[in-house]
Amino acid sequence: MKAVDARPRVPGMQAMALSINGDKAMFYNVRLLGAQDPLMDLFGTHYFNQCYIQGSIDFIFGGARSIYQGCVIESIVTTSGAIAAHRI
């Protein structure tokens, strides 16, 4: 997987680009583009290296423990909003 561009059918709604439901997944040079909730990092431990993750509100969410090494995490929101919504 190189790039995933998730666009919601209704502007401003959730559009998941990637859902990780396993343990010890590794991602290298992946681009995840979306608005609300593009990356569901549900559970486990994961490694992201040199990735680009773009979103607006809570765009990294779930209960996983992940490392984002050398990644660019960019918010495209024009007002205020959270980058991550961690769930225990």
PDB file of N, CA and C in Angstrom:
ATOM      1  N   MET A   1       0.848  -1.158   0.000  1.00  0.00           N
ATOM      2  CA  MET A   1       0.000   0.000   0.000  1.00  0.00           C
ATOM      3  C   MET A   1       0.895   1.223   0.000  1.00  0.00           C
ATOM      4  N   LYS A   2       0.662   2.146  -0.892  1.00  0.00           N
ATOM      5  CA  LYS A   2       1.451   3.371  -0.959  1.00  0.00           C
ATOM      6  C   LYS A   2       0.644   4.578  -0.518  1.00  0.00           C
ATOM      7  N   ALA A   3      -0.544   4.781  -1.054  1.00  0.00           N
ATOM      8  CA  ALA A   3      -1.338   5.956  -0.695  1.00  0.00           C
ATOM      9  C   ALA A   3      -2.808   5.589  -0.637  1.00  0.00           C
ATOM     10  N   VAL A   4      -3.481   6.107   0.362  1.00  0.00           N
ATOM     11  CA  VAL A   4      -4.919   5.935   0.484  1.00  0.00           C
ATOM     12  C   VAL A   4      -5.521   7.313   0.675  1.00  0.00           C
ATOM     13  N   ASP A   5      -6.443   7.671  -0.173  1.00  0.00           N
ATOM     14  CA  ASP A   5      -7.120   8.958  -0.087  1.00  0.00           C
ATOM     15  C   ASP A   5      -8.579   8.670   0.232  1.00  0.00           C
ATOM     16  N   ALA A   6      -8.957   8.898   1.490  1.00  0.00           N
ATOM     17  CA  ALA A   6     -10.321   8.618   1.924  1.00  0.00           C
ATOM     18  C   ALA A   6     -11.134   9.894   1.904  1.00  0.00           C
ATOM     19  N   ARG A   7     -12.163   9.896   1.103  1.00  0.00           N
ATOM     20  CA  ARG A   7     -13.032  11.068   1.026  1.00  0.00           C
ATOM     21  C   ARG A   7     -14.455  10.650   1.415  1.00  0.00           C
ATOM     22  N   PRO A   8     -15.049  11.369   2.380  1.00  0.00           N
ATOM     23  CA  PRO A   8     -16.409  11.020   2.781  1.00  0.00           C
ATOM     24  C   PRO A   8     -17.418  11.347   1.694  1.00  0.00           C
ATOM     25  N   ARG A   9     -18.516  10.608   1.669  1.00  0.00           N
ATOM     26  CA  ARG A   9     -19.579  10.894   0.699  1.00  0.00           C
ATOM     27  C   ARG A   9     -20.273  12.209   1.031  1.00  0.00           C
ATOM     28  N   VAL A  10     -20.333  12.502   2.337  1.00  0.00           N
ATOM     29  CA  VAL A  10     -20.919  13.762   2.807  1.00  0.00           C
ATOM     30  C   VAL A  10     -19.785  14.590   3.401  1.00  0.00           C
ATOM     31  N   PRO A  11     -19.546  15.810   2.915  1.00  0.00           N
ATOM     32  CA  PRO A  11     -18.456  16.636   3.446  1.00  0.00           C
ATOM     33  C   PRO A  11     -18.541  16.787   4.974  1.00  0.00           C
ATOM     34  N   GLY A  12     -17.380  16.657   5.629  1.00  0.00           N
ATOM     35  CA  GLY A  12     -17.305  16.809   7.077  1.00  0.00           C
ATOM     36  C   GLY A  12     -17.587  15.542   7.857  1.00  0.00           C
ATOM     37  N   MET A  13     -17.917  14.450   7.182  1.00  0.00           N
ATOM     38  CA  MET A  13     -18.229  13.198   7.872  1.00  0.00           C
ATOM     39  C   MET A  13     -17.002  12.282   7.896  1.00  0.00           C
ATOM     40  N   GLN A  14     -17.111  11.182   8.629  1.00  0.00           N
ATOM     41  CA  GLN A  14     -16.021  10.236   8.800  1.00  0.00           C
ATOM     42  C   GLN A  14     -15.706   9.517   7.490  1.00  0.00           C
ATOM     43  N   ALA A  15     -14.396   9.334   7.244  1.00  0.00           N
ATOM     44  CA  ALA A  15     -13.941   8.563   6.083  1.00  0.00           C
ATOM     45  C   ALA A  15     -12.644   7.882   6.471  1.00  0.00           C
ATOM     46  N   MET A  16     -12.717   6.610   6.827  1.00  0.00           N
ATOM     47  CA  MET A  16     -11.553   5.873   7.281  1.00  0.00           C
ATOM     48  C   MET A  16     -10.705   5.411   6.096  1.00  0.00           C
ATOM     49  N   ALA A  17      -9.409   5.711   6.138  1.00  0.00           N
ATOM     50  CA  ALA A  17      -8.488   5.262   5.099  1.00  0.00           C
ATOM     51  C   ALA A  17      -7.838   3.938   5.489  1.00  0.00           C
ATOM     52  N   LEU A  18      -7.584   3.746   6.796  1.00  0.00           N
ATOM     53  CA  LEU A  18      -6.896   2.539   7.260  1.00  0.00           C
ATOM     54  C   LEU A  18      -7.406   2.153   8.631  1.00  0.00           C
ATOM     55  N   SER A  19      -7.740   0.880   8.792  1.00  0.00           N
ATOM     56  CA  SER A  19      -8.148   0.327  10.076  1.00  0.00           C
ATOM     57  C   SER A  19      -7.197  -0.812  10.416  1.00  0.00           C
ATOM     58  N   ILE A  20      -6.502  -0.683  11.555  1.00  0.00           N
ATOM     59  CA  ILE A  20      -5.556  -1.712  11.977  1.00  0.00           C
ATOM     60  C   ILE A  20      -6.168  -2.467  13.145  1.00  0.00           C
ATOM     61  N   ASN A  21      -6.437  -3.749  12.943  1.00  0.00           N
ATOM     62  CA  ASN A  21      -7.084  -4.572  13.954  1.00  0.00           C
ATOM     63  C   ASN A  21      -6.210  -5.731  14.404  1.00  0.00           C
ATOM     64  N   GLY A  22      -4.917  -5.661  14.184  1.00  0.00           N
ATOM     65  CA  GLY A  22      -4.001  -6.723  14.555  1.00  0.00           C
ATOM     66  C   GLY A  22      -2.859  -6.192  15.385  1.00  0.00           C
ATOM     67  N   ASP A  23      -1.852  -7.007  15.594  1.00  0.00           N
ATOM     68  CA  ASP A  23      -0.700  -6.614  16.402  1.00  0.00           C
ATOM     69  C   ASP A  23       0.565  -6.666  15.550  1.00  0.00           C
ATOM     70  N   LYS A  24       1.470  -5.740  15.846  1.00  0.00           N
ATOM     71  CA  LYS A  24       2.807  -5.680  15.245  1.00  0.00           C
ATOM     72  C   LYS A  24       2.792  -5.473  13.731  1.00  0.00           C
ATOM     73  N   ALA A  25       1.971  -4.530  13.277  1.00  0.00           N
ATOM     74  CA  ALA A  25       1.967  -4.151  11.866  1.00  0.00           C
ATOM     75  C   ALA A  25       2.999  -3.043  11.654  1.00  0.00           C
ATOM     76  N   MET A  26       3.636  -3.026  10.491  1.00  0.00           N
ATOM     77  CA  MET A  26       4.623  -2.004  10.164  1.00  0.00           C
ATOM     78  C   MET A  26       4.252  -1.352   8.836  1.00  0.00           C
ATOM     79  N   PHE A  27       4.389  -0.027   8.799  1.00  0.00           N
ATOM     80  CA  PHE A  27       4.044   0.737   7.608  1.00  0.00           C
ATOM     81  C   PHE A  27       5.218   1.647   7.260  1.00  0.00           C
ATOM     82  N   TYR A  28       5.667   1.586   6.020  1.00  0.00           N
ATOM     83  CA  TYR A  28       6.798   2.390   5.545  1.00  0.00           C
ATOM     84  C   TYR A  28       6.358   3.226   4.345  1.00  0.00           C
ATOM     85  N   ASN A  29       6.629   4.549   4.409  1.00  0.00           N
ATOM     86  CA  ASN A  29       6.361   5.453   3.282  1.00  0.00           C
ATOM     87  C   ASN A  29       4.915   5.385   2.786  1.00  0.00           C
ATOM     88  N   VAL A  30       3.976   5.372   3.705  1.00  0.00           N
ATOM     89  CA  VAL A  30       2.561   5.317   3.361  1.00  0.00           C
ATOM     90  C   VAL A  30       1.954   6.699   3.559  1.00  0.00           C
ATOM     91  N   ARG A  31       1.071   7.090   2.648  1.00  0.00           N
ATOM     92  CA  ARG A  31       0.345   8.366   2.765  1.00  0.00           C
ATOM     93  C   ARG A  31      -1.117   8.050   3.065  1.00  0.00           C
ATOM     94  N   LEU A  32      -1.614   8.585   4.174  1.00  0.00           N
ATOM     95  CA  LEU A  32      -3.017   8.437   4.542  1.00  0.00           C
ATOM     96  C   LEU A  32      -3.639   9.823   4.509  1.00  0.00           C
ATOM     97  N   LEU A  33      -4.545  10.030   3.568  1.00  0.00           N
ATOM     98  CA  LEU A  33      -5.157  11.337   3.377  1.00  0.00           C
ATOM     99  C   LEU A  33      -6.641  11.243   3.670  1.00  0.00           C
ATOM    100  N   GLY A  34      -7.117  12.135   4.499  1.00  0.00           N
ATOM    101  CA  GLY A  34      -8.537  12.125   4.824  1.00  0.00           C
ATOM    102  C   GLY A  34      -8.922  13.344   5.614  1.00  0.00           C
ATOM    103  N   ALA A  35     -10.124  13.321   6.166  1.00  0.00           N
ATOM    104  CA  ALA A  35     -10.607  14.428   6.988  1.00  0.00           C
ATOM    105  C   ALA A  35     -10.804  13.904   8.410  1.00  0.00           C
ATOM    106  N   GLN A  36     -11.999  13.506   8.751  1.00  0.00           N
ATOM    107  CA  GLN A  36     -12.268  12.999  10.093  1.00  0.00           C
ATOM    108  C   GLN A  36     -12.016  11.492  10.138  1.00  0.00           C
ATOM    109  N   ASP A  37     -11.205  11.050  11.100  1.00  0.00           N
ATOM    110  CA  ASP A  37     -10.954   9.629  11.396  1.00  0.00           C
ATOM    111  C   ASP A  37     -10.309   8.821  10.273  1.00  0.00           C
ATOM    112  N   PRO A  38      -9.288   9.302   9.566  1.00  0.00           N
ATOM    113  CA  PRO A  38      -8.696   8.477   8.513  1.00  0.00           C
ATOM    114  C   PRO A  38      -7.896   7.273   9.025  1.00  0.00           C
ATOM    115  N   LEU A  39      -7.363   7.326  10.269  1.00  0.00           N
ATOM    116  CA  LEU A  39      -6.557   6.209  10.768  1.00  0.00           C
ATOM    117  C   LEU A  39      -7.141   5.655  12.057  1.00  0.00           C
ATOM    118  N   MET A  40      -7.736   4.459  11.981  1.00  0.00           N
ATOM    119  CA  MET A  40      -8.233   3.773  13.171  1.00  0.00           C
ATOM    120  C   MET A  40      -7.170   2.765  13.606  1.00  0.00           C
ATOM    121  N   ASP A  41      -6.394   3.138  14.597  1.00  0.00           N
ATOM    122  CA  ASP A  41      -5.321   2.316  15.164  1.00  0.00           C
ATOM    123  C   ASP A  41      -5.910   1.621  16.395  1.00  0.00           C
ATOM    124  N   LEU A  42      -6.676   0.565  16.166  1.00  0.00           N
ATOM    125  CA  LEU A  42      -7.576  -0.007  17.166  1.00  0.00           C
ATOM    126  C   LEU A  42      -6.874  -0.603  18.374  1.00  0.00           C
ATOM    127  N   PHE A  43      -6.009  -1.597  18.165  1.00  0.00           N
ATOM    128  CA  PHE A  43      -5.307  -2.208  19.299  1.00  0.00           C
ATOM    129  C   PHE A  43      -4.004  -2.820  18.833  1.00  0.00           C
ATOM    130  N   GLY A  44      -3.131  -3.134  19.782  1.00  0.00           N
ATOM    131  CA  GLY A  44      -1.836  -3.727  19.467  1.00  0.00           C
ATOM    132  C   GLY A  44      -0.733  -2.689  19.471  1.00  0.00           C
ATOM    133  N   THR A  45       0.413  -3.090  18.954  1.00  0.00           N
ATOM    134  CA  THR A  45       1.554  -2.187  18.812  1.00  0.00           C
ATOM    135  C   THR A  45       1.930  -2.142  17.332  1.00  0.00           C
ATOM    136  N   HIS A  46       2.175  -0.927  16.816  1.00  0.00           N
ATOM    137  CA  HIS A  46       2.455  -0.753  15.396  1.00  0.00           C
ATOM    138  C   HIS A  46       3.569   0.244  15.199  1.00  0.00           C
ATOM    139  N   TYR A  47       4.186   0.172  14.035  1.00  0.00           N
ATOM    140  CA  TYR A  47       5.320   1.032  13.711  1.00  0.00           C
ATOM    141  C   TYR A  47       5.062   1.714  12.373  1.00  0.00           C
ATOM    142  N   PHE A  48       5.126   3.045  12.367  1.00  0.00           N
ATOM    143  CA  PHE A  48       4.984   3.845  11.160  1.00  0.00           C
ATOM    144  C   PHE A  48       6.309   4.560  10.920  1.00  0.00           C
ATOM    145  N   ASN A  49       6.880   4.431   9.719  1.00  0.00           N
ATOM    146  CA  ASN A  49       8.161   5.057   9.409  1.00  0.00           C
ATOM    147  C   ASN A  49       8.034   5.857   8.120  1.00  0.00           C
ATOM    148  N   GLN A  50       8.432   7.141   8.186  1.00  0.00           N
ATOM    149  CA  GLN A  50       8.424   8.030   7.026  1.00  0.00           C
ATOM    150  C   GLN A  50       7.051   8.086   6.362  1.00  0.00           C
ATOM    151  N   CYS A  51       5.995   8.111   7.156  1.00  0.00           N
ATOM    152  CA  CYS A  51       4.627   8.170   6.641  1.00  0.00           C
ATOM    153  C   CYS A  51       4.095   9.595   6.693  1.00  0.00           C
ATOM    154  N   TYR A  52       3.081   9.862   5.913  1.00  0.00           N
ATOM    155  CA  TYR A  52       2.406  11.156   5.903  1.00  0.00           C
ATOM    156  C   TYR A  52       0.949  10.882   6.243  1.00  0.00           C
ATOM    157  N   ILE A  53       0.483  11.464   7.350  1.00  0.00           N
ATOM    158  CA  ILE A  53      -0.888  11.256   7.804  1.00  0.00           C
ATOM    159  C   ILE A  53      -1.563  12.621   7.884  1.00  0.00           C
ATOM    160  N   GLN A  54      -2.643  12.772   7.142  1.00  0.00           N
ATOM    161  CA  GLN A  54      -3.340  14.055   7.062  1.00  0.00           C
ATOM    162  C   GLN A  54      -4.800  13.883   7.453  1.00  0.00           C
ATOM    163  N   GLY A  55      -5.307  14.825   8.238  1.00  0.00           N
ATOM    164  CA  GLY A  55      -6.712  14.784   8.626  1.00  0.00           C
ATOM    165  C   GLY A  55      -7.120  16.075   9.282  1.00  0.00           C
ATOM    166  N   SER A  56      -8.358  16.092   9.805  1.00  0.00           N
ATOM    167  CA  SER A  56      -8.847  17.322  10.417  1.00  0.00           C
ATOM    168  C   SER A  56      -9.192  17.135  11.888  1.00  0.00           C
ATOM    169  N   ILE A  57     -10.073  16.220  12.224  1.00  0.00           N
ATOM    170  CA  ILE A  57     -10.530  16.059  13.601  1.00  0.00           C
ATOM    171  C   ILE A  57     -10.336  14.606  14.036  1.00  0.00           C
ATOM    172  N   ASP A  58      -9.656  14.408  15.175  1.00  0.00           N
ATOM    173  CA  ASP A  58      -9.429  13.060  15.730  1.00  0.00           C
ATOM    174  C   ASP A  58      -8.939  12.093  14.654  1.00  0.00           C
ATOM    175  N   PHE A  59      -7.975  12.516  13.845  1.00  0.00           N
ATOM    176  CA  PHE A  59      -7.660  11.692  12.683  1.00  0.00           C
ATOM    177  C   PHE A  59      -6.758  10.509  12.959  1.00  0.00           C
ATOM    178  N   ILE A  60      -6.262  10.364  14.178  1.00  0.00           N
ATOM    179  CA  ILE A  60      -5.626   9.121  14.620  1.00  0.00           C
ATOM    180  C   ILE A  60      -6.388   8.720  15.877  1.00  0.00           C
ATOM    181  N   PHE A  61      -7.091   7.591  15.826  1.00  0.00           N
ATOM    182  CA  PHE A  61      -7.877   7.204  16.984  1.00  0.00           C
ATOM    183  C   PHE A  61      -7.846   5.702  17.208  1.00  0.00           C
ATOM    184  N   GLY A  62      -8.143   5.285  18.436  1.00  0.00           N
ATOM    185  CA  GLY A  62      -8.148   3.889  18.818  1.00  0.00           C
ATOM    186  C   GLY A  62      -7.366   3.697  20.098  1.00  0.00           C
ATOM    187  N   GLY A  63      -7.135   2.457  20.476  1.00  0.00           N
ATOM    188  CA  GLY A  63      -6.463   2.155  21.728  1.00  0.00           C
ATOM    189  C   GLY A  63      -5.083   1.544  21.567  1.00  0.00           C
ATOM    190  N   ALA A  64      -4.499   1.596  20.384  1.00  0.00           N
ATOM    191  CA  ALA A  64      -3.194   0.978  20.131  1.00  0.00           C
ATOM    192  C   ALA A  64      -2.053   1.829  20.684  1.00  0.00           C
ATOM    193  N   ARG A  65      -0.902   1.202  20.787  1.00  0.00           N
ATOM    194  CA  ARG A  65       0.338   1.883  21.174  1.00  0.00           C
ATOM    195  C   ARG A  65       1.269   1.828  19.969  1.00  0.00           C
ATOM    196  N   SER A  66       1.405   2.955  19.297  1.00  0.00           N
ATOM    197  CA  SER A  66       2.162   2.976  18.055  1.00  0.00           C
ATOM    198  C   SER A  66       3.279   4.010  18.093  1.00  0.00           C
ATOM    199  N   ILE A  67       4.283   3.749  17.271  1.00  0.00           N
ATOM    200  CA  ILE A  67       5.420   4.664  17.116  1.00  0.00           C
ATOM    201  C   ILE A  67       5.329   5.267  15.727  1.00  0.00           C
ATOM    202  N   TYR A  68       5.475   6.597  15.660  1.00  0.00           N
ATOM    203  CA  TYR A  68       5.453   7.323  14.390  1.00  0.00           C
ATOM    204  C   TYR A  68       6.822   7.964  14.224  1.00  0.00           C
ATOM    205  N   GLN A  69       7.743   7.239  13.609  1.00  0.00           N
ATOM    206  CA  GLN A  69       9.135   7.703  13.482  1.00  0.00           C
ATOM    207  C   GLN A  69       9.346   8.360  12.127  1.00  0.00           C
ATOM    208  N   GLY A  70       9.775   9.612  12.157  1.00  0.00           N
ATOM    209  CA  GLY A  70      10.038  10.333  10.913  1.00  0.00           C
ATOM    210  C   GLY A  70       8.789  10.619  10.108  1.00  0.00           C
ATOM    211  N   CYS A  71       7.640  10.605  10.738  1.00  0.00           N
ATOM    212  CA  CYS A  71       6.372  10.821  10.045  1.00  0.00           C
ATOM    213  C   CYS A  71       5.981  12.298  10.071  1.00  0.00           C
ATOM    214  N   VAL A  72       5.200  12.689   9.084  1.00  0.00           N
ATOM    215  CA  VAL A  72       4.589  14.008   9.072  1.00  0.00           C
ATOM    216  C   VAL A  72       3.117  13.796   9.387  1.00  0.00           C
ATOM    217  N   ILE A  73       2.658  14.439  10.451  1.00  0.00           N
ATOM    218  CA  ILE A  73       1.253  14.365  10.848  1.00  0.00           C
ATOM    219  C   ILE A  73       0.701  15.779  10.709  1.00  0.00           C
ATOM    220  N   GLU A  74      -0.159  15.975   9.705  1.00  0.00           N
ATOM    221  CA  GLU A  74      -0.610  17.318   9.367  1.00  0.00           C
ATOM    222  C   GLU A  74      -2.112  17.477   9.543  1.00  0.00           C
ATOM    223  N   SER A  75      -2.485  18.530  10.253  1.00  0.00           N
ATOM    224  CA  SER A  75      -3.890  18.881  10.413  1.00  0.00           C
ATOM    225  C   SER A  75      -4.292  19.855   9.318  1.00  0.00           C
ATOM    226  N   ILE A  76      -5.423  19.583   8.672  1.00  0.00           N
ATOM    227  CA  ILE A  76      -5.914  20.469   7.625  1.00  0.00           C
ATOM    228  C   ILE A  76      -7.109  21.284   8.114  1.00  0.00           C
ATOM    229  N   VAL A  77      -7.370  21.230   9.412  1.00  0.00           N
ATOM    230  CA  VAL A  77      -8.514  21.952   9.980  1.00  0.00           C
ATOM    231  C   VAL A  77      -8.242  23.457   9.965  1.00  0.00           C
ATOM    232  N   THR A  78      -9.294  24.240   9.729  1.00  0.00           N
ATOM    233  CA  THR A  78      -9.139  25.693   9.689  1.00  0.00           C
ATOM    234  C   THR A  78      -9.492  26.338  11.028  1.00  0.00           C
ATOM    235  N   THR A  79     -10.104  25.571  11.924  1.00  0.00           N
ATOM    236  CA  THR A  79     -10.390  26.048  13.278  1.00  0.00           C
ATOM    237  C   THR A  79      -9.624  25.156  14.246  1.00  0.00           C
ATOM    238  N   SER A  80     -10.130  24.940  15.432  1.00  0.00           N
ATOM    239  CA  SER A  80      -9.437  24.070  16.380  1.00  0.00           C
ATOM    240  C   SER A  80      -9.974  22.650  16.316  1.00  0.00           C
ATOM    241  N   GLY A  81      -9.125  21.688  16.670  1.00  0.00           N
ATOM    242  CA  GLY A  81      -9.520  20.288  16.668  1.00  0.00           C
ATOM    243  C   GLY A  81      -8.376  19.432  17.176  1.00  0.00           C
ATOM    244  N   ALA A  82      -8.695  18.240  17.651  1.00  0.00           N
ATOM    245  CA  ALA A  82      -7.680  17.328  18.191  1.00  0.00           C
ATOM    246  C   ALA A  82      -7.120  16.441  17.090  1.00  0.00           C
ATOM    247  N   ILE A  83      -5.823  16.161  17.191  1.00  0.00           N
ATOM    248  CA  ILE A  83      -5.182  15.263  16.230  1.00  0.00           C
ATOM    249  C   ILE A  83      -5.493  13.812  16.573  1.00  0.00           C
ATOM    250  N   ALA A  84      -5.424  13.465  17.856  1.00  0.00           N
ATOM    251  CA  ALA A  84      -5.624  12.080  18.268  1.00  0.00           C
ATOM    252  C   ALA A  84      -6.747  11.960  19.280  1.00  0.00           C
ATOM    253  N   ALA A  85      -7.436  10.834  19.242  1.00  0.00           N
ATOM    254  CA  ALA A  85      -8.474  10.506  20.212  1.00  0.00           C
ATOM    255  C   ALA A  85      -8.169   9.093  20.702  1.00  0.00           C
ATOM    256  N   HIS A  86      -7.403   8.987  21.771  1.00  0.00           N
ATOM    257  CA  HIS A  86      -6.986   7.693  22.296  1.00  0.00           C
ATOM    258  C   HIS A  86      -8.107   7.075  23.114  1.00  0.00           C
ATOM    259  N   ARG A  87      -8.371   5.826  22.861  1.00  0.00           N
ATOM    260  CA  ARG A  87      -9.398   5.101  23.599  1.00  0.00           C
ATOM    261  C   ARG A  87      -8.729   3.975  24.351  1.00  0.00           C
ATOM    262  N   ILE A  88      -8.989   3.878  25.645  1.00  0.00           N
ATOM    263  CA  ILE A  88      -8.357   2.844  26.476  1.00  0.00           C
ATOM    264  C   ILE A  88      -9.219   1.608  26.493  1.00  0.00           C
TER     265      ILE A  88
END
